[in-house]
């Protein structure tokens, strides 16, 4: 790209009147950017305001790149053959990537059954070591001025559906921050951030000793009930890494499809005698 740009600069400096029929948009010394070179920058359906911004951004970027290219041409000796090879490699890589992306989109099976996730989890347990403490817990932060705060603990421990609904409604109305226990695992430090619990020095010992804990500061009351916890450096529960495993499996399928495409194209070319190597 550097080579091509330098050649373009040189060509236009040697013959600056060659493009007199074209409409210039910007100039850097004797290099010009023309209006017809802006095609495709603005997508169909783009508003006038967004179109202007997009074009201005491109023009400013072009100016910066031209300034750098011209500075490079003045200050360093460029190995033109090496630059040309890099340009070709980049072009081939870009075209191949676009085709691979198209092929993968057309052929990728995104359905992943639970058994496949569980199998990958069991076969790769060492890859799922926790780096932080995680919990399944209820955490509620309410202003001291909130009504009926003396009933929060009772609602937290209640197994009645109506009490759980009442607790959720209460949190929606009065809580500054809350998380009600479900099947979701959360990083403990994230759950209790911006609370006195975040300052506890030995969180592992705290989790082992406190299935329920209340505390306060000058403004808020804090309620924490821990249903389950897992300590850092232990194996993560499957539910905590399920989405990560799903992503890993999909990425492996994408890599396999890219390899499959490459092999198919090569085998087809061999059978059709589309290439040969001269010795």
C-alpha atoms as a PDB file:
ATOM      1  CA  UNK A   1       0.000   0.000   0.000  1.00  0.00           C
ATOM      2  CA  UNK A   2       2.927   2.282   0.830  1.00  0.00           C
ATOM      3  CA  UNK A   3       4.462   1.498  -2.568  1.00  0.00           C
ATOM      4  CA  UNK A   4       1.213   2.139  -4.418  1.00  0.00           C
ATOM      5  CA  UNK A   5       0.638   5.406  -2.625  1.00  0.00           C
ATOM      6  CA  UNK A   6       4.184   6.586  -3.265  1.00  0.00           C
ATOM      7  CA  UNK A   7       3.817   5.776  -6.968  1.00  0.00           C
ATOM      8  CA  UNK A   8       0.530   7.671  -7.036  1.00  0.00           C
ATOM      9  CA  UNK A   9       2.155  10.682  -5.405  1.00  0.00           C
ATOM     10  CA  UNK A  10       5.062  10.564  -7.861  1.00  0.00           C
ATOM     11  CA  UNK A  11       2.759  10.237 -10.862  1.00  0.00           C
ATOM     12  CA  UNK A  12       0.627  13.216  -9.873  1.00  0.00           C
ATOM     13  CA  UNK A  13       3.623  15.362  -9.067  1.00  0.00           C
ATOM     14  CA  UNK A  14       5.118  14.679 -12.475  1.00  0.00           C
ATOM     15  CA  UNK A  15       1.845  15.385 -14.316  1.00  0.00           C
ATOM     16  CA  UNK A  16      -0.405  17.479 -12.061  1.00  0.00           C
ATOM     17  CA  UNK A  17      -2.749  18.451 -14.930  1.00  0.00           C
ATOM     18  CA  UNK A  18      -3.595  14.874 -15.926  1.00  0.00           C
ATOM     19  CA  UNK A  19      -6.862  14.872 -13.986  1.00  0.00           C
ATOM     20  CA  UNK A  20      -8.208  18.320 -14.883  1.00  0.00           C
ATOM     21  CA  UNK A  21     -11.639  16.857 -15.767  1.00  0.00           C
ATOM     22  CA  UNK A  22     -12.056  15.342 -12.291  1.00  0.00           C
ATOM     23  CA  UNK A  23     -13.328  17.252  -9.259  1.00  0.00           C
ATOM     24  CA  UNK A  24     -10.746  17.479  -6.483  1.00  0.00           C
ATOM     25  CA  UNK A  25     -11.908  17.103  -2.879  1.00  0.00           C
ATOM     26  CA  UNK A  26      -8.610  17.529  -1.055  1.00  0.00           C
ATOM     27  CA  UNK A  27      -4.920  18.099  -1.752  1.00  0.00           C
ATOM     28  CA  UNK A  28      -1.707  17.281   0.076  1.00  0.00           C
ATOM     29  CA  UNK A  29       1.112  19.086  -1.739  1.00  0.00           C
ATOM     30  CA  UNK A  30       0.753  17.716  -5.286  1.00  0.00           C
ATOM     31  CA  UNK A  31      -1.339  14.649  -4.403  1.00  0.00           C
ATOM     32  CA  UNK A  32      -5.092  14.969  -4.941  1.00  0.00           C
ATOM     33  CA  UNK A  33      -8.157  13.129  -3.680  1.00  0.00           C
ATOM     34  CA  UNK A  34     -10.980  13.240  -6.225  1.00  0.00           C
ATOM     35  CA  UNK A  35     -14.728  13.099  -5.765  1.00  0.00           C
ATOM     36  CA  UNK A  36     -15.101   9.924  -7.843  1.00  0.00           C
ATOM     37  CA  UNK A  37     -12.753   8.145  -5.408  1.00  0.00           C
ATOM     38  CA  UNK A  38     -15.318   8.548  -2.625  1.00  0.00           C
ATOM     39  CA  UNK A  39     -17.719   6.018  -4.133  1.00  0.00           C
ATOM     40  CA  UNK A  40     -18.915   3.376  -1.673  1.00  0.00           C
ATOM     41  CA  UNK A  41     -17.944   5.317   1.442  1.00  0.00           C
ATOM     42  CA  UNK A  42     -21.550   6.269   2.184  1.00  0.00           C
ATOM     43  CA  UNK A  43     -23.974   3.346   2.329  1.00  0.00           C
ATOM     44  CA  UNK A  44     -27.441   3.592   0.761  1.00  0.00           C
ATOM     45  CA  UNK A  45     -30.043   4.896   3.200  1.00  0.00           C
ATOM     46  CA  UNK A  46     -27.559   6.943   5.228  1.00  0.00           C
ATOM     47  CA  UNK A  47     -28.922  10.317   6.357  1.00  0.00           C
ATOM     48  CA  UNK A  48     -27.468  13.507   4.901  1.00  0.00           C
ATOM     49  CA  UNK A  49     -25.927  14.458   8.255  1.00  0.00           C
ATOM     50  CA  UNK A  50     -24.282  11.053   8.723  1.00  0.00           C
ATOM     51  CA  UNK A  51     -23.094  11.081   5.104  1.00  0.00           C
ATOM     52  CA  UNK A  52     -21.341  14.409   5.634  1.00  0.00           C
ATOM     53  CA  UNK A  53     -19.672  13.152   8.800  1.00  0.00           C
ATOM     54  CA  UNK A  54     -18.548   9.920   7.115  1.00  0.00           C
ATOM     55  CA  UNK A  55     -17.051  11.749   4.120  1.00  0.00           C
ATOM     56  CA  UNK A  56     -15.322  14.329   6.328  1.00  0.00           C
ATOM     57  CA  UNK A  57     -13.846  11.534   8.437  1.00  0.00           C
ATOM     58  CA  UNK A  58     -12.536   9.747   5.343  1.00  0.00           C
ATOM     59  CA  UNK A  59     -11.057  12.925   3.872  1.00  0.00           C
ATOM     60  CA  UNK A  60      -9.289  13.804   7.123  1.00  0.00           C
ATOM     61  CA  UNK A  61      -7.935  10.258   7.342  1.00  0.00           C
ATOM     62  CA  UNK A  62      -6.720  10.440   3.730  1.00  0.00           C
ATOM     63  CA  UNK A  63      -4.892  13.704   4.444  1.00  0.00           C
ATOM     64  CA  UNK A  64      -3.126  12.250   7.482  1.00  0.00           C
ATOM     65  CA  UNK A  65      -2.081   9.144   5.570  1.00  0.00           C
ATOM     66  CA  UNK A  66      -0.816  11.171   2.601  1.00  0.00           C
ATOM     67  CA  UNK A  67       1.238  13.390   4.884  1.00  0.00           C
ATOM     68  CA  UNK A  68       2.798  10.335   6.507  1.00  0.00           C
ATOM     69  CA  UNK A  69       3.440   8.640   3.155  1.00  0.00           C
ATOM     70  CA  UNK A  70       5.082  11.723   1.711  1.00  0.00           C
ATOM     71  CA  UNK A  71       7.193  12.127   4.834  1.00  0.00           C
ATOM     72  CA  UNK A  72       8.241   8.478   4.562  1.00  0.00           C
ATOM     73  CA  UNK A  73       9.145   8.898   0.894  1.00  0.00           C
ATOM     74  CA  UNK A  74      11.446  11.798   1.818  1.00  0.00           C
ATOM     75  CA  UNK A  75      13.081  10.222   4.853  1.00  0.00           C
ATOM     76  CA  UNK A  76      13.607   6.506   4.140  1.00  0.00           C
ATOM     77  CA  UNK A  77      14.682   4.230   1.315  1.00  0.00           C
ATOM     78  CA  UNK A  78      11.808   1.916   0.436  1.00  0.00           C
ATOM     79  CA  UNK A  79      12.373  -1.623  -0.779  1.00  0.00           C
ATOM     80  CA  UNK A  80       9.794  -1.486  -3.546  1.00  0.00           C
ATOM     81  CA  UNK A  81       9.823  -5.234  -4.269  1.00  0.00           C
ATOM     82  CA  UNK A  82       9.222  -6.079  -0.611  1.00  0.00           C
ATOM     83  CA  UNK A  83       6.407  -3.549  -0.341  1.00  0.00           C
ATOM     84  CA  UNK A  84       4.819  -4.957  -3.493  1.00  0.00           C
ATOM     85  CA  UNK A  85       4.913  -8.478  -2.038  1.00  0.00           C
ATOM     86  CA  UNK A  86       3.257  -7.216   1.143  1.00  0.00           C
ATOM     87  CA  UNK A  87       0.569  -5.487  -0.903  1.00  0.00           C
ATOM     88  CA  UNK A  88      -0.192  -8.708  -2.758  1.00  0.00           C
ATOM     89  CA  UNK A  89      -0.166 -10.752   0.462  1.00  0.00           C
ATOM     90  CA  UNK A  90      -2.558  -8.270   2.067  1.00  0.00           C
ATOM     91  CA  UNK A  91      -4.843  -8.324  -0.961  1.00  0.00           C
ATOM     92  CA  UNK A  92      -4.903 -12.129  -1.074  1.00  0.00           C
ATOM     93  CA  UNK A  93      -5.522 -12.333   2.686  1.00  0.00           C
ATOM     94  CA  UNK A  94      -8.352  -9.806   2.532  1.00  0.00           C
ATOM     95  CA  UNK A  95     -10.119 -11.517  -0.376  1.00  0.00           C
ATOM     96  CA  UNK A  96      -9.631 -14.962   1.173  1.00  0.00           C
ATOM     97  CA  UNK A  97     -10.940 -13.712   4.520  1.00  0.00           C
ATOM     98  CA  UNK A  98     -14.063 -12.257   2.902  1.00  0.00           C
ATOM     99  CA  UNK A  99     -14.759 -15.506   1.070  1.00  0.00           C
ATOM    100  CA  UNK A 100     -14.092 -17.600   4.175  1.00  0.00           C
ATOM    101  CA  UNK A 101     -16.492 -15.392   6.158  1.00  0.00           C
ATOM    102  CA  UNK A 102     -19.150 -15.858   3.466  1.00  0.00           C
ATOM    103  CA  UNK A 103     -18.600 -19.627   3.352  1.00  0.00           C
ATOM    104  CA  UNK A 104     -18.705 -19.947   7.153  1.00  0.00           C
ATOM    105  CA  UNK A 105     -21.880 -17.881   7.377  1.00  0.00           C
ATOM    106  CA  UNK A 106     -23.543 -20.138   4.806  1.00  0.00           C
ATOM    107  CA  UNK A 107     -22.436 -23.426   6.397  1.00  0.00           C
ATOM    108  CA  UNK A 108     -21.981 -22.846  10.135  1.00  0.00           C
ATOM    109  CA  UNK A 109     -24.188 -24.983  12.348  1.00  0.00           C
ATOM    110  CA  UNK A 110     -24.917 -22.771  15.379  1.00  0.00           C
ATOM    111  CA  UNK A 111     -26.999 -25.379  17.221  1.00  0.00           C
ATOM    112  CA  UNK A 112     -25.119 -26.661  20.263  1.00  0.00           C
ATOM    113  CA  UNK A 113     -26.812 -29.241  22.455  1.00  0.00           C
ATOM    114  CA  UNK A 114     -26.282 -29.347  26.224  1.00  0.00           C
ATOM    115  CA  UNK A 115     -24.508 -32.712  26.057  1.00  0.00           C
ATOM    116  CA  UNK A 116     -21.849 -31.254  23.744  1.00  0.00           C
ATOM    117  CA  UNK A 117     -21.176 -28.417  26.184  1.00  0.00           C
ATOM    118  CA  UNK A 118     -21.006 -30.833  29.109  1.00  0.00           C
ATOM    119  CA  UNK A 119     -18.642 -33.121  27.210  1.00  0.00           C
ATOM    120  CA  UNK A 120     -16.271 -30.274  26.399  1.00  0.00           C
ATOM    121  CA  UNK A 121     -16.430 -29.087  30.013  1.00  0.00           C
ATOM    122  CA  UNK A 122     -15.535 -32.514  31.444  1.00  0.00           C
ATOM    123  CA  UNK A 123     -12.722 -33.034  28.955  1.00  0.00           C
ATOM    124  CA  UNK A 124     -11.170 -29.635  29.652  1.00  0.00           C
ATOM    125  CA  UNK A 125     -11.665 -29.055  33.378  1.00  0.00           C
ATOM    126  CA  UNK A 126      -8.165 -27.662  33.788  1.00  0.00           C
ATOM    127  CA  UNK A 127      -9.097 -24.802  31.480  1.00  0.00           C
ATOM    128  CA  UNK A 128     -11.891 -23.665  33.785  1.00  0.00           C
ATOM    129  CA  UNK A 129     -10.071 -22.820  36.990  1.00  0.00           C
ATOM    130  CA  UNK A 130     -11.660 -19.873  38.747  1.00  0.00           C
ATOM    131  CA  UNK A 131      -9.617 -16.703  39.003  1.00  0.00           C
ATOM    132  CA  UNK A 132     -12.102 -15.069  41.384  1.00  0.00           C
ATOM    133  CA  UNK A 133     -14.603 -16.083  44.053  1.00  0.00           C
ATOM    134  CA  UNK A 134     -18.111 -16.561  42.668  1.00  0.00           C
ATOM    135  CA  UNK A 135     -21.505 -16.882  44.360  1.00  0.00           C
ATOM    136  CA  UNK A 136     -25.164 -17.592  43.851  1.00  0.00           C
ATOM    137  CA  UNK A 137     -26.624 -15.030  46.180  1.00  0.00           C
ATOM    138  CA  UNK A 138     -29.166 -12.365  46.993  1.00  0.00           C
ATOM    139  CA  UNK A 139     -27.748  -8.898  47.545  1.00  0.00           C
ATOM    140  CA  UNK A 140     -29.854  -5.830  48.326  1.00  0.00           C
ATOM    141  CA  UNK A 141     -28.800  -2.230  48.938  1.00  0.00           C
ATOM    142  CA  UNK A 142     -31.477   0.168  50.210  1.00  0.00           C
ATOM    143  CA  UNK A 143     -31.421   3.674  51.685  1.00  0.00           C
ATOM    144  CA  UNK A 144     -31.864   3.816  55.440  1.00  0.00           C
ATOM    145  CA  UNK A 145     -34.911   5.978  54.808  1.00  0.00           C
ATOM    146  CA  UNK A 146     -36.687   3.198  52.854  1.00  0.00           C
ATOM    147  CA  UNK A 147     -39.869   1.831  54.469  1.00  0.00           C
ATOM    148  CA  UNK A 148     -40.249  -1.624  56.037  1.00  0.00           C
ATOM    149  CA  UNK A 149     -36.529  -2.426  55.994  1.00  0.00           C
ATOM    150  CA  UNK A 150     -37.073  -4.655  59.027  1.00  0.00           C
ATOM    151  CA  UNK A 151     -39.043  -7.051  56.787  1.00  0.00           C
ATOM    152  CA  UNK A 152     -36.339  -7.534  54.143  1.00  0.00           C
ATOM    153  CA  UNK A 153     -34.585 -10.414  55.910  1.00  0.00           C
ATOM    154  CA  UNK A 154     -37.873 -12.286  56.332  1.00  0.00           C
ATOM    155  CA  UNK A 155     -38.641 -11.906  52.626  1.00  0.00           C
ATOM    156  CA  UNK A 156     -35.130 -13.002  51.610  1.00  0.00           C
ATOM    157  CA  UNK A 157     -35.468 -16.287  53.514  1.00  0.00           C
ATOM    158  CA  UNK A 158     -39.075 -16.982  52.596  1.00  0.00           C
ATOM    159  CA  UNK A 159     -39.736 -19.767  50.090  1.00  0.00           C
ATOM    160  CA  UNK A 160     -43.269 -18.589  49.364  1.00  0.00           C
ATOM    161  CA  UNK A 161     -43.826 -17.363  45.848  1.00  0.00           C
ATOM    162  CA  UNK A 162     -45.878 -14.367  47.000  1.00  0.00           C
ATOM    163  CA  UNK A 163     -43.061 -13.287  49.317  1.00  0.00           C
ATOM    164  CA  UNK A 164     -40.524 -13.586  46.517  1.00  0.00           C
ATOM    165  CA  UNK A 165     -42.765 -11.451  44.320  1.00  0.00           C
ATOM    166  CA  UNK A 166     -43.104  -8.938  47.139  1.00  0.00           C
ATOM    167  CA  UNK A 167     -39.325  -8.812  47.576  1.00  0.00           C
ATOM    168  CA  UNK A 168     -38.812  -8.176  43.876  1.00  0.00           C
ATOM    169  CA  UNK A 169     -41.442  -5.447  43.902  1.00  0.00           C
ATOM    170  CA  UNK A 170     -39.828  -3.884  46.972  1.00  0.00           C
ATOM    171  CA  UNK A 171     -36.407  -3.877  45.310  1.00  0.00           C
ATOM    172  CA  UNK A 172     -37.798  -2.291  42.156  1.00  0.00           C
ATOM    173  CA  UNK A 173     -39.371   0.464  44.244  1.00  0.00           C
ATOM    174  CA  UNK A 174     -36.737   1.221  46.873  1.00  0.00           C
ATOM    175  CA  UNK A 175     -33.439  -0.550  46.236  1.00  0.00           C
ATOM    176  CA  UNK A 176     -30.433   1.300  44.833  1.00  0.00           C
ATOM    177  CA  UNK A 177     -28.822  -1.970  43.724  1.00  0.00           C
ATOM    178  CA  UNK A 178     -29.986  -5.565  44.013  1.00  0.00           C
ATOM    179  CA  UNK A 179     -29.582  -9.087  42.685  1.00  0.00           C
ATOM    180  CA  UNK A 180     -32.039 -11.814  43.628  1.00  0.00           C
ATOM    181  CA  UNK A 181     -30.721 -15.348  43.743  1.00  0.00           C
ATOM    182  CA  UNK A 182     -31.357 -17.560  40.715  1.00  0.00           C
ATOM    183  CA  UNK A 183     -29.271 -20.065  38.767  1.00  0.00           C
ATOM    184  CA  UNK A 184     -26.797 -17.356  37.785  1.00  0.00           C
ATOM    185  CA  UNK A 185     -23.306 -17.355  39.241  1.00  0.00           C
ATOM    186  CA  UNK A 186     -21.717 -13.958  39.811  1.00  0.00           C
ATOM    187  CA  UNK A 187     -18.234 -12.757  40.693  1.00  0.00           C
ATOM    188  CA  UNK A 188     -18.485 -11.863  44.375  1.00  0.00           C
ATOM    189  CA  UNK A 189     -16.458  -8.652  44.043  1.00  0.00           C
ATOM    190  CA  UNK A 190     -18.750  -7.459  41.249  1.00  0.00           C
ATOM    191  CA  UNK A 191     -21.857  -8.258  43.263  1.00  0.00           C
ATOM    192  CA  UNK A 192     -20.842  -6.253  46.340  1.00  0.00           C
ATOM    193  CA  UNK A 193     -18.953  -3.379  44.712  1.00  0.00           C
ATOM    194  CA  UNK A 194     -19.700   0.083  46.118  1.00  0.00           C
ATOM    195  CA  UNK A 195     -20.569  -1.429  49.507  1.00  0.00           C
ATOM    196  CA  UNK A 196     -18.675  -2.043  52.779  1.00  0.00           C
ATOM    197  CA  UNK A 197     -18.537  -5.726  51.786  1.00  0.00           C
ATOM    198  CA  UNK A 198     -16.101  -4.845  49.014  1.00  0.00           C
ATOM    199  CA  UNK A 199     -13.558  -3.838  51.671  1.00  0.00           C
ATOM    200  CA  UNK A 200     -13.545  -7.166  53.512  1.00  0.00           C
ATOM    201  CA  UNK A 201      -9.871  -8.252  53.646  1.00  0.00           C
ATOM    202  CA  UNK A 202     -10.346 -12.050  53.634  1.00  0.00           C
ATOM    203  CA  UNK A 203     -13.298 -12.777  51.402  1.00  0.00           C
ATOM    204  CA  UNK A 204     -12.718 -16.524  51.337  1.00  0.00           C
ATOM    205  CA  UNK A 205     -12.994 -16.762  55.114  1.00  0.00           C
ATOM    206  CA  UNK A 206     -15.976 -14.408  55.014  1.00  0.00           C
ATOM    207  CA  UNK A 207     -17.867 -16.590  52.532  1.00  0.00           C
ATOM    208  CA  UNK A 208     -17.165 -19.732  54.552  1.00  0.00           C
ATOM    209  CA  UNK A 209     -18.398 -18.141  57.794  1.00  0.00           C
ATOM    210  CA  UNK A 210     -21.337 -15.996  56.623  1.00  0.00           C
ATOM    211  CA  UNK A 211     -24.221 -17.545  54.696  1.00  0.00           C
ATOM    212  CA  UNK A 212     -26.169 -14.425  55.739  1.00  0.00           C
ATOM    213  CA  UNK A 213     -24.788 -10.983  56.533  1.00  0.00           C
ATOM    214  CA  UNK A 214     -26.126  -7.493  57.190  1.00  0.00           C
ATOM    215  CA  UNK A 215     -24.182  -4.265  57.417  1.00  0.00           C
ATOM    216  CA  UNK A 216     -24.606  -0.522  56.857  1.00  0.00           C
ATOM    217  CA  UNK A 217     -22.839   2.746  56.274  1.00  0.00           C
ATOM    218  CA  UNK A 218     -23.975   6.339  56.801  1.00  0.00           C
ATOM    219  CA  UNK A 219     -26.602   6.167  54.057  1.00  0.00           C
ATOM    220  CA  UNK A 220     -27.477   2.581  53.147  1.00  0.00           C
ATOM    221  CA  UNK A 221     -28.379  -0.822  54.530  1.00  0.00           C
ATOM    222  CA  UNK A 222     -26.890  -3.943  52.900  1.00  0.00           C
ATOM    223  CA  UNK A 223     -28.338  -7.455  52.938  1.00  0.00           C
ATOM    224  CA  UNK A 224     -26.483 -10.514  51.634  1.00  0.00           C
ATOM    225  CA  UNK A 225     -27.591 -14.142  51.557  1.00  0.00           C
ATOM    226  CA  UNK A 226     -25.181 -16.619  49.940  1.00  0.00           C
ATOM    227  CA  UNK A 227     -26.805 -19.804  48.675  1.00  0.00           C
ATOM    228  CA  UNK A 228     -23.643 -21.281  47.110  1.00  0.00           C
ATOM    229  CA  UNK A 229     -20.077 -20.184  46.624  1.00  0.00           C
ATOM    230  CA  UNK A 230     -16.970 -21.344  44.798  1.00  0.00           C
ATOM    231  CA  UNK A 231     -13.506 -20.219  45.802  1.00  0.00           C
ATOM    232  CA  UNK A 232     -10.833 -19.016  43.371  1.00  0.00           C
ATOM    233  CA  UNK A 233      -8.323 -21.625  42.139  1.00  0.00           C
ATOM    234  CA  UNK A 234     -11.066 -24.273  42.152  1.00  0.00           C
ATOM    235  CA  UNK A 235     -12.884 -25.633  39.119  1.00  0.00           C
ATOM    236  CA  UNK A 236     -15.649 -23.376  37.879  1.00  0.00           C
ATOM    237  CA  UNK A 237     -19.216 -24.708  37.892  1.00  0.00           C
ATOM    238  CA  UNK A 238     -20.502 -25.502  34.435  1.00  0.00           C
ATOM    239  CA  UNK A 239     -23.206 -22.837  34.531  1.00  0.00           C
ATOM    240  CA  UNK A 240     -20.622 -20.098  35.056  1.00  0.00           C
ATOM    241  CA  UNK A 241     -18.689 -21.020  31.913  1.00  0.00           C
ATOM    242  CA  UNK A 242     -21.511 -22.376  29.725  1.00  0.00           C
ATOM    243  CA  UNK A 243     -21.561 -19.319  27.442  1.00  0.00           C
ATOM    244  CA  UNK A 244     -17.767 -19.349  27.164  1.00  0.00           C
ATOM    245  CA  UNK A 245     -17.826 -22.994  26.119  1.00  0.00           C
ATOM    246  CA  UNK A 246     -20.533 -22.273  23.559  1.00  0.00           C
ATOM    247  CA  UNK A 247     -18.281 -19.569  22.051  1.00  0.00           C
ATOM    248  CA  UNK A 248     -15.278 -21.918  22.040  1.00  0.00           C
ATOM    249  CA  UNK A 249     -17.228 -24.644  20.242  1.00  0.00           C
ATOM    250  CA  UNK A 250     -18.507 -22.197  17.621  1.00  0.00           C
ATOM    251  CA  UNK A 251     -14.998 -20.854  17.040  1.00  0.00           C
ATOM    252  CA  UNK A 252     -13.682 -24.399  16.587  1.00  0.00           C
ATOM    253  CA  UNK A 253     -16.405 -25.045  14.026  1.00  0.00           C
ATOM    254  CA  UNK A 254     -15.446 -21.855  12.179  1.00  0.00           C
ATOM    255  CA  UNK A 255     -11.791 -22.885  12.060  1.00  0.00           C
ATOM    256  CA  UNK A 256     -12.781 -26.346  10.797  1.00  0.00           C
ATOM    257  CA  UNK A 257     -14.983 -24.837   8.072  1.00  0.00           C
ATOM    258  CA  UNK A 258     -12.180 -22.519   6.934  1.00  0.00           C
ATOM    259  CA  UNK A 259      -9.839 -25.513   6.668  1.00  0.00           C
ATOM    260  CA  UNK A 260     -12.554 -27.508   4.876  1.00  0.00           C
ATOM    261  CA  UNK A 261     -13.022 -24.729   2.327  1.00  0.00           C
ATOM    262  CA  UNK A 262      -9.294 -24.526   1.669  1.00  0.00           C
ATOM    263  CA  UNK A 263      -9.040 -28.299   1.213  1.00  0.00           C
ATOM    264  CA  UNK A 264     -12.083 -28.451  -1.077  1.00  0.00           C
ATOM    265  CA  UNK A 265     -10.775 -25.686  -3.324  1.00  0.00           C
ATOM    266  CA  UNK A 266      -7.338 -27.293  -3.502  1.00  0.00           C
ATOM    267  CA  UNK A 267      -8.654 -30.812  -4.247  1.00  0.00           C
ATOM    268  CA  UNK A 268     -10.962 -29.454  -6.932  1.00  0.00           C
ATOM    269  CA  UNK A 269      -8.093 -27.568  -8.545  1.00  0.00           C
ATOM    270  CA  UNK A 270      -5.923 -30.696  -8.516  1.00  0.00           C
ATOM    271  CA  UNK A 271      -8.607 -32.830 -10.158  1.00  0.00           C
ATOM    272  CA  UNK A 272      -9.286 -30.168 -12.792  1.00  0.00           C
ATOM    273  CA  UNK A 273      -5.560 -29.548 -13.384  1.00  0.00           C
ATOM    274  CA  UNK A 274      -6.073 -25.857 -12.716  1.00  0.00           C
ATOM    275  CA  UNK A 275      -2.472 -25.288 -11.616  1.00  0.00           C
ATOM    276  CA  UNK A 276       1.027 -26.641 -12.095  1.00  0.00           C
ATOM    277  CA  UNK A 277       4.444 -26.036 -10.609  1.00  0.00           C
ATOM    278  CA  UNK A 278       7.297 -25.488 -13.085  1.00  0.00           C
ATOM    279  CA  UNK A 279      10.668 -26.957 -12.189  1.00  0.00           C
END
